[in-house]
Amino acid sequence: MVNFTPSSNRETLEKIWSKECLLTTSGRGQSKFKTVLRQFLQWLTMNDRLRVWTDNPDATIPLWNAHDPVTGNSITGLSESEMRRWLEQRIHGLDA
């Protein structure tokens, strides 16, 4: 029996999804299938970990966002250094 961690499961699913995207041609049925599959994969890989992302990584100065599903707290539009500071404060339990 093989044990998978949530991150390895996610990586495996993302690889499968990438291959599916490359193999399929556009069509109404396939488009709907891809949408349902994407939503299922998102649901399957959801967890209670902090999420950090940028909406536009190619921007000259990308703005960073974060969401903590445990507390429901979100923060948006921070520079990289501001996000690092916010994360460090969160990790060390300091007030923001």
PDB file of N, CA and C in Angstrom:
ATOM      1  N   MET A   1       0.842  -1.185   0.000  1.00  0.00           N
ATOM      2  CA  MET A   1       0.000   0.000   0.000  1.00  0.00           C
ATOM      3  C   MET A   1       0.881   1.240   0.000  1.00  0.00           C
ATOM      4  N   VAL A   2       0.569   2.200  -0.826  1.00  0.00           N
ATOM      5  CA  VAL A   2       1.346   3.419  -0.956  1.00  0.00           C
ATOM      6  C   VAL A   2       0.645   4.527  -0.184  1.00  0.00           C
ATOM      7  N   ASN A   3       1.400   5.235   0.653  1.00  0.00           N
ATOM      8  CA  ASN A   3       0.848   6.363   1.390  1.00  0.00           C
ATOM      9  C   ASN A   3       1.165   7.649   0.651  1.00  0.00           C
ATOM     10  N   PHE A   4       0.166   8.490   0.486  1.00  0.00           N
ATOM     11  CA  PHE A   4       0.350   9.764  -0.184  1.00  0.00           C
ATOM     12  C   PHE A   4       0.088  10.883   0.800  1.00  0.00           C
ATOM     13  N   THR A   5       0.905  11.903   0.727  1.00  0.00           N
ATOM     14  CA  THR A   5       0.644  13.103   1.512  1.00  0.00           C
ATOM     15  C   THR A   5      -0.288  13.985   0.707  1.00  0.00           C
ATOM     16  N   PRO A   6      -1.012  14.918   1.383  1.00  0.00           N
ATOM     17  CA  PRO A   6      -1.899  15.809   0.620  1.00  0.00           C
ATOM     18  C   PRO A   6      -1.169  16.554  -0.496  1.00  0.00           C
ATOM     19  N   SER A   7       0.087  16.967  -0.251  1.00  0.00           N
ATOM     20  CA  SER A   7       0.802  17.706  -1.287  1.00  0.00           C
ATOM     21  C   SER A   7       1.162  16.805  -2.468  1.00  0.00           C
ATOM     22  N   SER A   8       1.530  15.538  -2.196  1.00  0.00           N
ATOM     23  CA  SER A   8       1.855  14.659  -3.322  1.00  0.00           C
ATOM     24  C   SER A   8       0.596  14.304  -4.101  1.00  0.00           C
ATOM     25  N   ASN A   9      -0.544  14.170  -3.402  1.00  0.00           N
ATOM     26  CA  ASN A   9      -1.813  13.939  -4.101  1.00  0.00           C
ATOM     27  C   ASN A   9      -2.120  15.111  -5.013  1.00  0.00           C
ATOM     28  N   ARG A  10      -1.934  16.305  -4.508  1.00  0.00           N
ATOM     29  CA  ARG A  10      -2.223  17.497  -5.302  1.00  0.00           C
ATOM     30  C   ARG A  10      -1.317  17.554  -6.523  1.00  0.00           C
ATOM     31  N   GLU A  11      -0.029  17.286  -6.313  1.00  0.00           N
ATOM     32  CA  GLU A  11       0.913  17.316  -7.435  1.00  0.00           C
ATOM     33  C   GLU A  11       0.526  16.286  -8.487  1.00  0.00           C
ATOM     34  N   THR A  12       0.132  15.099  -8.054  1.00  0.00           N
ATOM     35  CA  THR A  12      -0.276  14.053  -8.986  1.00  0.00           C
ATOM     36  C   THR A  12      -1.503  14.485  -9.770  1.00  0.00           C
ATOM     37  N   LEU A  13      -2.488  15.036  -9.065  1.00  0.00           N
ATOM     38  CA  LEU A  13      -3.703  15.488  -9.732  1.00  0.00           C
ATOM     39  C   LEU A  13      -3.413  16.623 -10.707  1.00  0.00           C
ATOM     40  N   GLU A  14      -2.522  17.545 -10.314  1.00  0.00           N
ATOM     41  CA  GLU A  14      -2.180  18.644 -11.210  1.00  0.00           C
ATOM     42  C   GLU A  14      -1.481  18.122 -12.469  1.00  0.00           C
ATOM     43  N   LYS A  15      -0.640  17.104 -12.334  1.00  0.00           N
ATOM     44  CA  LYS A  15       0.020  16.519 -13.502  1.00  0.00           C
ATOM     45  C   LYS A  15      -1.005  15.871 -14.422  1.00  0.00           C
ATOM     46  N   ILE A  16      -1.951  15.145 -13.809  1.00  0.00           N
ATOM     47  CA  ILE A  16      -3.007  14.515 -14.607  1.00  0.00           C
ATOM     48  C   ILE A  16      -3.812  15.585 -15.325  1.00  0.00           C
ATOM     49  N   TRP A  17      -4.169  16.641 -14.601  1.00  0.00           N
ATOM     50  CA  TRP A  17      -4.970  17.731 -15.181  1.00  0.00           C
ATOM     51  C   TRP A  17      -4.225  18.369 -16.343  1.00  0.00           C
ATOM     52  N   SER A  18      -2.923  18.609 -16.177  1.00  0.00           N
ATOM     53  CA  SER A  18      -2.134  19.216 -17.246  1.00  0.00           C
ATOM     54  C   SER A  18      -2.137  18.331 -18.484  1.00  0.00           C
ATOM     55  N   LYS A  19      -1.979  17.039 -18.291  1.00  0.00           N
ATOM     56  CA  LYS A  19      -1.982  16.111 -19.420  1.00  0.00           C
ATOM     57  C   LYS A  19      -3.346  16.100 -20.092  1.00  0.00           C
ATOM     58  N   GLU A  20      -4.419  16.121 -19.302  1.00  0.00           N
ATOM     59  CA  GLU A  20      -5.768  16.148 -19.870  1.00  0.00           C
ATOM     60  C   GLU A  20      -5.964  17.391 -20.726  1.00  0.00           C
ATOM     61  N   CYS A  21      -5.485  18.524 -20.239  1.00  0.00           N
ATOM     62  CA  CYS A  21      -5.641  19.777 -20.986  1.00  0.00           C
ATOM     63  C   CYS A  21      -4.915  19.703 -22.322  1.00  0.00           C
ATOM     64  N   LEU A  22      -3.768  19.051 -22.344  1.00  0.00           N
ATOM     65  CA  LEU A  22      -3.002  18.953 -23.581  1.00  0.00           C
ATOM     66  C   LEU A  22      -3.622  17.962 -24.558  1.00  0.00           C
ATOM     67  N   LEU A  23      -4.274  16.925 -24.031  1.00  0.00           N
ATOM     68  CA  LEU A  23      -4.807  15.872 -24.889  1.00  0.00           C
ATOM     69  C   LEU A  23      -6.173  16.185 -25.475  1.00  0.00           C
ATOM     70  N   THR A  24      -6.940  17.055 -24.821  1.00  0.00           N
ATOM     71  CA  THR A  24      -8.296  17.292 -25.284  1.00  0.00           C
ATOM     72  C   THR A  24      -8.337  18.411 -26.313  1.00  0.00           C
ATOM     73  N   THR A  25      -9.299  18.299 -27.200  1.00  0.00           N
ATOM     74  CA  THR A  25      -9.542  19.362 -28.155  1.00  0.00           C
ATOM     75  C   THR A  25     -10.746  20.146 -27.679  1.00  0.00           C
ATOM     76  N   SER A  26     -10.915  21.342 -28.186  1.00  0.00           N
ATOM     77  CA  SER A  26     -12.023  22.141 -27.707  1.00  0.00           C
ATOM     78  C   SER A  26     -13.334  21.615 -28.261  1.00  0.00           C
ATOM     79  N   GLY A  27     -14.337  21.656 -27.445  1.00  0.00           N
ATOM     80  CA  GLY A  27     -15.672  21.204 -27.803  1.00  0.00           C
ATOM     81  C   GLY A  27     -16.577  21.461 -26.621  1.00  0.00           C
ATOM     82  N   ARG A  28     -17.833  21.631 -26.870  1.00  0.00           N
ATOM     83  CA  ARG A  28     -18.758  21.994 -25.796  1.00  0.00           C
ATOM     84  C   ARG A  28     -18.772  20.959 -24.673  1.00  0.00           C
ATOM     85  N   GLY A  29     -18.880  19.673 -25.013  1.00  0.00           N
ATOM     86  CA  GLY A  29     -18.900  18.620 -24.008  1.00  0.00           C
ATOM     87  C   GLY A  29     -17.599  18.533 -23.230  1.00  0.00           C
ATOM     88  N   GLN A  30     -16.487  18.656 -23.947  1.00  0.00           N
ATOM     89  CA  GLN A  30     -15.193  18.589 -23.297  1.00  0.00           C
ATOM     90  C   GLN A  30     -14.969  19.801 -22.410  1.00  0.00           C
ATOM     91  N   SER A  31     -15.440  20.963 -22.843  1.00  0.00           N
ATOM     92  CA  SER A  31     -15.281  22.168 -22.047  1.00  0.00           C
ATOM     93  C   SER A  31     -16.028  22.028 -20.725  1.00  0.00           C
ATOM     94  N   LYS A  32     -17.233  21.505 -20.773  1.00  0.00           N
ATOM     95  CA  LYS A  32     -18.022  21.300 -19.554  1.00  0.00           C
ATOM     96  C   LYS A  32     -17.349  20.257 -18.669  1.00  0.00           C
ATOM     97  N   PHE A  33     -16.853  19.189 -19.279  1.00  0.00           N
ATOM     98  CA  PHE A  33     -16.150  18.158 -18.534  1.00  0.00           C
ATOM     99  C   PHE A  33     -14.926  18.736 -17.833  1.00  0.00           C
ATOM    100  N   LYS A  34     -14.151  19.548 -18.546  1.00  0.00           N
ATOM    101  CA  LYS A  34     -12.958  20.153 -17.959  1.00  0.00           C
ATOM    102  C   LYS A  34     -13.325  21.058 -16.790  1.00  0.00           C
ATOM    103  N   THR A  35     -14.432  21.792 -16.918  1.00  0.00           N
ATOM    104  CA  THR A  35     -14.878  22.669 -15.834  1.00  0.00           C
ATOM    105  C   THR A  35     -15.247  21.849 -14.607  1.00  0.00           C
ATOM    106  N   VAL A  36     -16.007  20.787 -14.814  1.00  0.00           N
ATOM    107  CA  VAL A  36     -16.416  19.932 -13.699  1.00  0.00           C
ATOM    108  C   VAL A  36     -15.192  19.261 -13.074  1.00  0.00           C
ATOM    109  N   LEU A  37     -14.277  18.784 -13.900  1.00  0.00           N
ATOM    110  CA  LEU A  37     -13.065  18.150 -13.399  1.00  0.00           C
ATOM    111  C   LEU A  37     -12.229  19.144 -12.592  1.00  0.00           C
ATOM    112  N   ARG A  38     -12.082  20.364 -13.106  1.00  0.00           N
ATOM    113  CA  ARG A  38     -11.305  21.385 -12.383  1.00  0.00           C
ATOM    114  C   ARG A  38     -11.935  21.676 -11.022  1.00  0.00           C
ATOM    115  N   GLN A  39     -13.259  21.828 -10.984  1.00  0.00           N
ATOM    116  CA  GLN A  39     -13.940  22.097  -9.722  1.00  0.00           C
ATOM    117  C   GLN A  39     -13.796  20.926  -8.754  1.00  0.00           C
ATOM    118  N   PHE A  40     -13.867  19.716  -9.280  1.00  0.00           N
ATOM    119  CA  PHE A  40     -13.689  18.538  -8.435  1.00  0.00           C
ATOM    120  C   PHE A  40     -12.280  18.493  -7.864  1.00  0.00           C
ATOM    121  N   LEU A  41     -11.278  18.763  -8.688  1.00  0.00           N
ATOM    122  CA  LEU A  41      -9.893  18.759  -8.214  1.00  0.00           C
ATOM    123  C   LEU A  41      -9.668  19.836  -7.164  1.00  0.00           C
ATOM    124  N   GLN A  42     -10.284  21.009  -7.345  1.00  0.00           N
ATOM    125  CA  GLN A  42     -10.166  22.061  -6.345  1.00  0.00           C
ATOM    126  C   GLN A  42     -10.776  21.619  -5.022  1.00  0.00           C
ATOM    127  N   TRP A  43     -11.958  20.995  -5.099  1.00  0.00           N
ATOM    128  CA  TRP A  43     -12.613  20.525  -3.890  1.00  0.00           C
ATOM    129  C   TRP A  43     -11.781  19.439  -3.219  1.00  0.00           C
ATOM    130  N   LEU A  44     -11.228  18.544  -4.010  1.00  0.00           N
ATOM    131  CA  LEU A  44     -10.459  17.425  -3.499  1.00  0.00           C
ATOM    132  C   LEU A  44      -9.184  17.883  -2.796  1.00  0.00           C
ATOM    133  N   THR A  45      -8.588  18.954  -3.267  1.00  0.00           N
ATOM    134  CA  THR A  45      -7.317  19.410  -2.706  1.00  0.00           C
ATOM    135  C   THR A  45      -7.480  20.537  -1.693  1.00  0.00           C
ATOM    136  N   MET A  46      -8.727  20.893  -1.371  1.00  0.00           N
ATOM    137  CA  MET A  46      -8.935  21.934  -0.365  1.00  0.00           C
ATOM    138  C   MET A  46      -8.464  21.421   0.994  1.00  0.00           C
ATOM    139  N   ASN A  47      -7.983  22.327   1.807  1.00  0.00           N
ATOM    140  CA  ASN A  47      -7.613  21.972   3.167  1.00  0.00           C
ATOM    141  C   ASN A  47      -7.633  23.230   4.025  1.00  0.00           C
ATOM    142  N   ASP A  48      -7.165  23.107   5.231  1.00  0.00           N
ATOM    143  CA  ASP A  48      -7.216  24.220   6.164  1.00  0.00           C
ATOM    144  C   ASP A  48      -5.911  25.010   6.220  1.00  0.00           C
ATOM    145  N   ARG A  49      -5.061  24.827   5.234  1.00  0.00           N
ATOM    146  CA  ARG A  49      -3.780  25.546   5.243  1.00  0.00           C
ATOM    147  C   ARG A  49      -3.931  26.951   4.673  1.00  0.00           C
ATOM    148  N   LEU A  50      -3.062  27.808   5.136  1.00  0.00           N
ATOM    149  CA  LEU A  50      -3.002  29.179   4.642  1.00  0.00           C
ATOM    150  C   LEU A  50      -2.709  29.159   3.145  1.00  0.00           C
ATOM    151  N   ARG A  51      -3.431  29.971   2.390  1.00  0.00           N
ATOM    152  CA  ARG A  51      -3.203  30.082   0.944  1.00  0.00           C
ATOM    153  C   ARG A  51      -2.591  31.450   0.660  1.00  0.00           C
ATOM    154  N   VAL A  52      -1.533  31.480  -0.122  1.00  0.00           N
ATOM    155  CA  VAL A  52      -0.882  32.727  -0.532  1.00  0.00           C
ATOM    156  C   VAL A  52      -0.743  32.682  -2.041  1.00  0.00           C
ATOM    157  N   TRP A  53      -1.121  33.773  -2.708  1.00  0.00           N
ATOM    158  CA  TRP A  53      -1.051  33.809  -4.169  1.00  0.00           C
ATOM    159  C   TRP A  53      -0.940  35.247  -4.653  1.00  0.00           C
ATOM    160  N   THR A  54      -0.556  35.365  -5.923  1.00  0.00           N
ATOM    161  CA  THR A  54      -0.545  36.652  -6.586  1.00  0.00           C
ATOM    162  C   THR A  54      -1.448  36.554  -7.810  1.00  0.00           C
ATOM    163  N   ASP A  55      -2.195  37.596  -8.064  1.00  0.00           N
ATOM    164  CA  ASP A  55      -3.111  37.574  -9.199  1.00  0.00           C
ATOM    165  C   ASP A  55      -2.394  37.769 -10.525  1.00  0.00           C
ATOM    166  N   ASN A  56      -1.250  38.446 -10.496  1.00  0.00           N
ATOM    167  CA  ASN A  56      -0.533  38.732 -11.726  1.00  0.00           C
ATOM    168  C   ASN A  56       0.971  38.614 -11.488  1.00  0.00           C
ATOM    169  N   PRO A  57       1.512  37.391 -11.545  1.00  0.00           N
ATOM    170  CA  PRO A  57       2.937  37.209 -11.269  1.00  0.00           C
ATOM    171  C   PRO A  57       3.847  37.863 -12.294  1.00  0.00           C
ATOM    172  N   ASP A  58       3.322  38.202 -13.477  1.00  0.00           N
ATOM    173  CA  ASP A  58       4.140  38.813 -14.520  1.00  0.00           C
ATOM    174  C   ASP A  58       4.208  40.335 -14.404  1.00  0.00           C
ATOM    175  N   ALA A  59       3.489  40.906 -13.449  1.00  0.00           N
ATOM    176  CA  ALA A  59       3.501  42.351 -13.272  1.00  0.00           C
ATOM    177  C   ALA A  59       4.882  42.808 -12.796  1.00  0.00           C
ATOM    178  N   THR A  60       5.204  44.056 -13.054  1.00  0.00           N
ATOM    179  CA  THR A  60       6.481  44.605 -12.604  1.00  0.00           C
ATOM    180  C   THR A  60       6.615  44.469 -11.096  1.00  0.00           C
ATOM    181  N   ILE A  61       5.563  44.819 -10.381  1.00  0.00           N
ATOM    182  CA  ILE A  61       5.521  44.658  -8.931  1.00  0.00           C
ATOM    183  C   ILE A  61       4.225  43.906  -8.598  1.00  0.00           C
ATOM    184  N   PRO A  62       4.291  42.568  -8.518  1.00  0.00           N
ATOM    185  CA  PRO A  62       3.066  41.805  -8.246  1.00  0.00           C
ATOM    186  C   PRO A  62       2.555  42.068  -6.834  1.00  0.00           C
ATOM    187  N   LEU A  63       1.241  42.059  -6.697  1.00  0.00           N
ATOM    188  CA  LEU A  63       0.614  42.228  -5.392  1.00  0.00           C
ATOM    189  C   LEU A  63       0.169  40.863  -4.885  1.00  0.00           C
ATOM    190  N   TRP A  64       0.426  40.624  -3.604  1.00  0.00           N
ATOM    191  CA  TRP A  64       0.187  39.321  -2.999  1.00  0.00           C
ATOM    192  C   TRP A  64      -1.073  39.336  -2.143  1.00  0.00           C
ATOM    193  N   ASN A  65      -1.719  38.165  -2.076  1.00  0.00           N
ATOM    194  CA  ASN A  65      -2.940  37.981  -1.300  1.00  0.00           C
ATOM    195  C   ASN A  65      -2.773  36.739  -0.432  1.00  0.00           C
ATOM    196  N   ALA A  66      -3.531  36.674   0.659  1.00  0.00           N
ATOM    197  CA  ALA A  66      -3.505  35.488   1.512  1.00  0.00           C
ATOM    198  C   ALA A  66      -4.878  35.290   2.130  1.00  0.00           C
ATOM    199  N   HIS A  67      -5.188  34.027   2.405  1.00  0.00           N
ATOM    200  CA  HIS A  67      -6.443  33.686   3.081  1.00  0.00           C
ATOM    201  C   HIS A  67      -6.188  32.524   4.027  1.00  0.00           C
ATOM    202  N   ASP A  68      -6.656  32.674   5.265  1.00  0.00           N
ATOM    203  CA  ASP A  68      -6.545  31.624   6.272  1.00  0.00           C
ATOM    204  C   ASP A  68      -7.935  31.041   6.488  1.00  0.00           C
ATOM    205  N   PRO A  69      -8.224  29.840   5.959  1.00  0.00           N
ATOM    206  CA  PRO A  69      -9.559  29.270   6.086  1.00  0.00           C
ATOM    207  C   PRO A  69      -9.943  28.923   7.525  1.00  0.00           C
ATOM    208  N   VAL A  70      -8.957  28.734   8.399  1.00  0.00           N
ATOM    209  CA  VAL A  70      -9.254  28.407   9.793  1.00  0.00           C
ATOM    210  C   VAL A  70      -9.853  29.610  10.512  1.00  0.00           C
ATOM    211  N   THR A  71      -9.229  30.782  10.347  1.00  0.00           N
ATOM    212  CA  THR A  71      -9.709  31.992  11.029  1.00  0.00           C
ATOM    213  C   THR A  71     -10.668  32.799  10.167  1.00  0.00           C
ATOM    214  N   GLY A  72     -10.624  32.562   8.845  1.00  0.00           N
ATOM    215  CA  GLY A  72     -11.455  33.341   7.927  1.00  0.00           C
ATOM    216  C   GLY A  72     -10.828  34.682   7.568  1.00  0.00           C
ATOM    217  N   ASN A  73      -9.629  34.952   8.063  1.00  0.00           N
ATOM    218  CA  ASN A  73      -8.947  36.217   7.773  1.00  0.00           C
ATOM    219  C   ASN A  73      -8.343  36.202   6.377  1.00  0.00           C
ATOM    220  N   SER A  74      -8.441  37.350   5.705  1.00  0.00           N
ATOM    221  CA  SER A  74      -7.829  37.528   4.388  1.00  0.00           C
ATOM    222  C   SER A  74      -7.098  38.850   4.361  1.00  0.00           C
ATOM    223  N   ILE A  75      -6.087  38.904   3.501  1.00  0.00           N
ATOM    224  CA  ILE A  75      -5.354  40.154   3.298  1.00  0.00           C
ATOM    225  C   ILE A  75      -5.020  40.215   1.808  1.00  0.00           C
ATOM    226  N   THR A  76      -5.111  41.394   1.224  1.00  0.00           N
ATOM    227  CA  THR A  76      -4.904  41.519  -0.220  1.00  0.00           C
ATOM    228  C   THR A  76      -4.050  42.730  -0.557  1.00  0.00           C
ATOM    229  N   GLY A  77      -3.441  42.653  -1.728  1.00  0.00           N
ATOM    230  CA  GLY A  77      -2.734  43.794  -2.297  1.00  0.00           C
ATOM    231  C   GLY A  77      -1.451  44.194  -1.603  1.00  0.00           C
ATOM    232  N   LEU A  78      -0.697  43.219  -1.074  1.00  0.00           N
ATOM    233  CA  LEU A  78       0.550  43.531  -0.388  1.00  0.00           C
ATOM    234  C   LEU A  78       1.741  43.324  -1.312  1.00  0.00           C
ATOM    235  N   SER A  79       2.790  44.088  -1.070  1.00  0.00           N
ATOM    236  CA  SER A  79       4.047  43.851  -1.783  1.00  0.00           C
ATOM    237  C   SER A  79       4.672  42.582  -1.204  1.00  0.00           C
ATOM    238  N   GLU A  80       5.706  42.086  -1.851  1.00  0.00           N
ATOM    239  CA  GLU A  80       6.355  40.867  -1.372  1.00  0.00           C
ATOM    240  C   GLU A  80       6.902  41.048   0.043  1.00  0.00           C
ATOM    241  N   SER A  81       7.549  42.172   0.298  1.00  0.00           N
ATOM    242  CA  SER A  81       8.115  42.395   1.636  1.00  0.00           C
ATOM    243  C   SER A  81       7.017  42.543   2.691  1.00  0.00           C
ATOM    244  N   GLU A  82       5.912  43.188   2.342  1.00  0.00           N
ATOM    245  CA  GLU A  82       4.788  43.307   3.283  1.00  0.00           C
ATOM    246  C   GLU A  82       4.181  41.936   3.573  1.00  0.00           C
ATOM    247  N   MET A  83       4.074  41.096   2.550  1.00  0.00           N
ATOM    248  CA  MET A  83       3.527  39.754   2.751  1.00  0.00           C
ATOM    249  C   MET A  83       4.454  38.932   3.637  1.00  0.00           C
ATOM    250  N   ARG A  84       5.755  39.033   3.395  1.00  0.00           N
ATOM    251  CA  ARG A  84       6.711  38.304   4.243  1.00  0.00           C
ATOM    252  C   ARG A  84       6.578  38.740   5.692  1.00  0.00           C
ATOM    253  N   ARG A  85       6.466  40.040   5.921  1.00  0.00           N
ATOM    254  CA  ARG A  85       6.322  40.577   7.272  1.00  0.00           C
ATOM    255  C   ARG A  85       5.030  40.058   7.915  1.00  0.00           C
ATOM    256  N   TRP A  86       3.932  40.072   7.154  1.00  0.00           N
ATOM    257  CA  TRP A  86       2.648  39.604   7.664  1.00  0.00           C
ATOM    258  C   TRP A  86       2.715  38.123   8.030  1.00  0.00           C
ATOM    259  N   LEU A  87       3.363  37.316   7.169  1.00  0.00           N
ATOM    260  CA  LEU A  87       3.504  35.887   7.443  1.00  0.00           C
ATOM    261  C   LEU A  87       4.357  35.639   8.687  1.00  0.00           C
ATOM    262  N   GLU A  88       5.452  36.375   8.810  1.00  0.00           N
ATOM    263  CA  GLU A  88       6.312  36.211   9.981  1.00  0.00           C
ATOM    264  C   GLU A  88       5.563  36.577  11.254  1.00  0.00           C
ATOM    265  N   GLN A  89       4.775  37.643  11.216  1.00  0.00           N
ATOM    266  CA  GLN A  89       3.990  38.028  12.384  1.00  0.00           C
ATOM    267  C   GLN A  89       2.969  36.947  12.717  1.00  0.00           C
ATOM    268  N   ARG A  90       2.368  36.382  11.712  1.00  0.00           N
ATOM    269  CA  ARG A  90       1.382  35.322  11.919  1.00  0.00           C
ATOM    270  C   ARG A  90       2.043  34.082  12.515  1.00  0.00           C
ATOM    271  N   ILE A  91       3.212  33.705  12.008  1.00  0.00           N
ATOM    272  CA  ILE A  91       3.916  32.519  12.482  1.00  0.00           C
ATOM    273  C   ILE A  91       4.345  32.687  13.931  1.00  0.00           C
ATOM    274  N   HIS A  92       4.839  33.857  14.260  1.00  0.00           N
ATOM    275  CA  HIS A  92       5.363  34.104  15.614  1.00  0.00           C
ATOM    276  C   HIS A  92       4.265  34.570  16.566  1.00  0.00           C
ATOM    277  N   GLY A  93       3.031  34.668  16.096  1.00  0.00           N
ATOM    278  CA  GLY A  93       1.921  35.034  16.963  1.00  0.00           C
ATOM    279  C   GLY A  93       1.910  36.491  17.385  1.00  0.00           C
ATOM    280  N   LEU A  94       2.534  37.339  16.606  1.00  0.00           N
ATOM    281  CA  LEU A  94       2.559  38.765  16.938  1.00  0.00           C
ATOM    282  C   LEU A  94       1.334  39.448  16.350  1.00  0.00           C
ATOM    283  N   ASP A  95       0.923  40.537  16.959  1.00  0.00           N
ATOM    284  CA  ASP A  95      -0.183  41.316  16.418  1.00  0.00           C
ATOM    285  C   ASP A  95       0.259  42.011  15.143  1.00  0.00           C
ATOM    286  N   ALA A  96      -0.623  41.995  14.159  1.00  0.00           N
ATOM    287  CA  ALA A  96      -0.300  42.635  12.872  1.00  0.00           C
ATOM    288  C   ALA A  96      -0.391  44.133  12.979  1.00  0.00           C
TER     289      ALA A  96
END
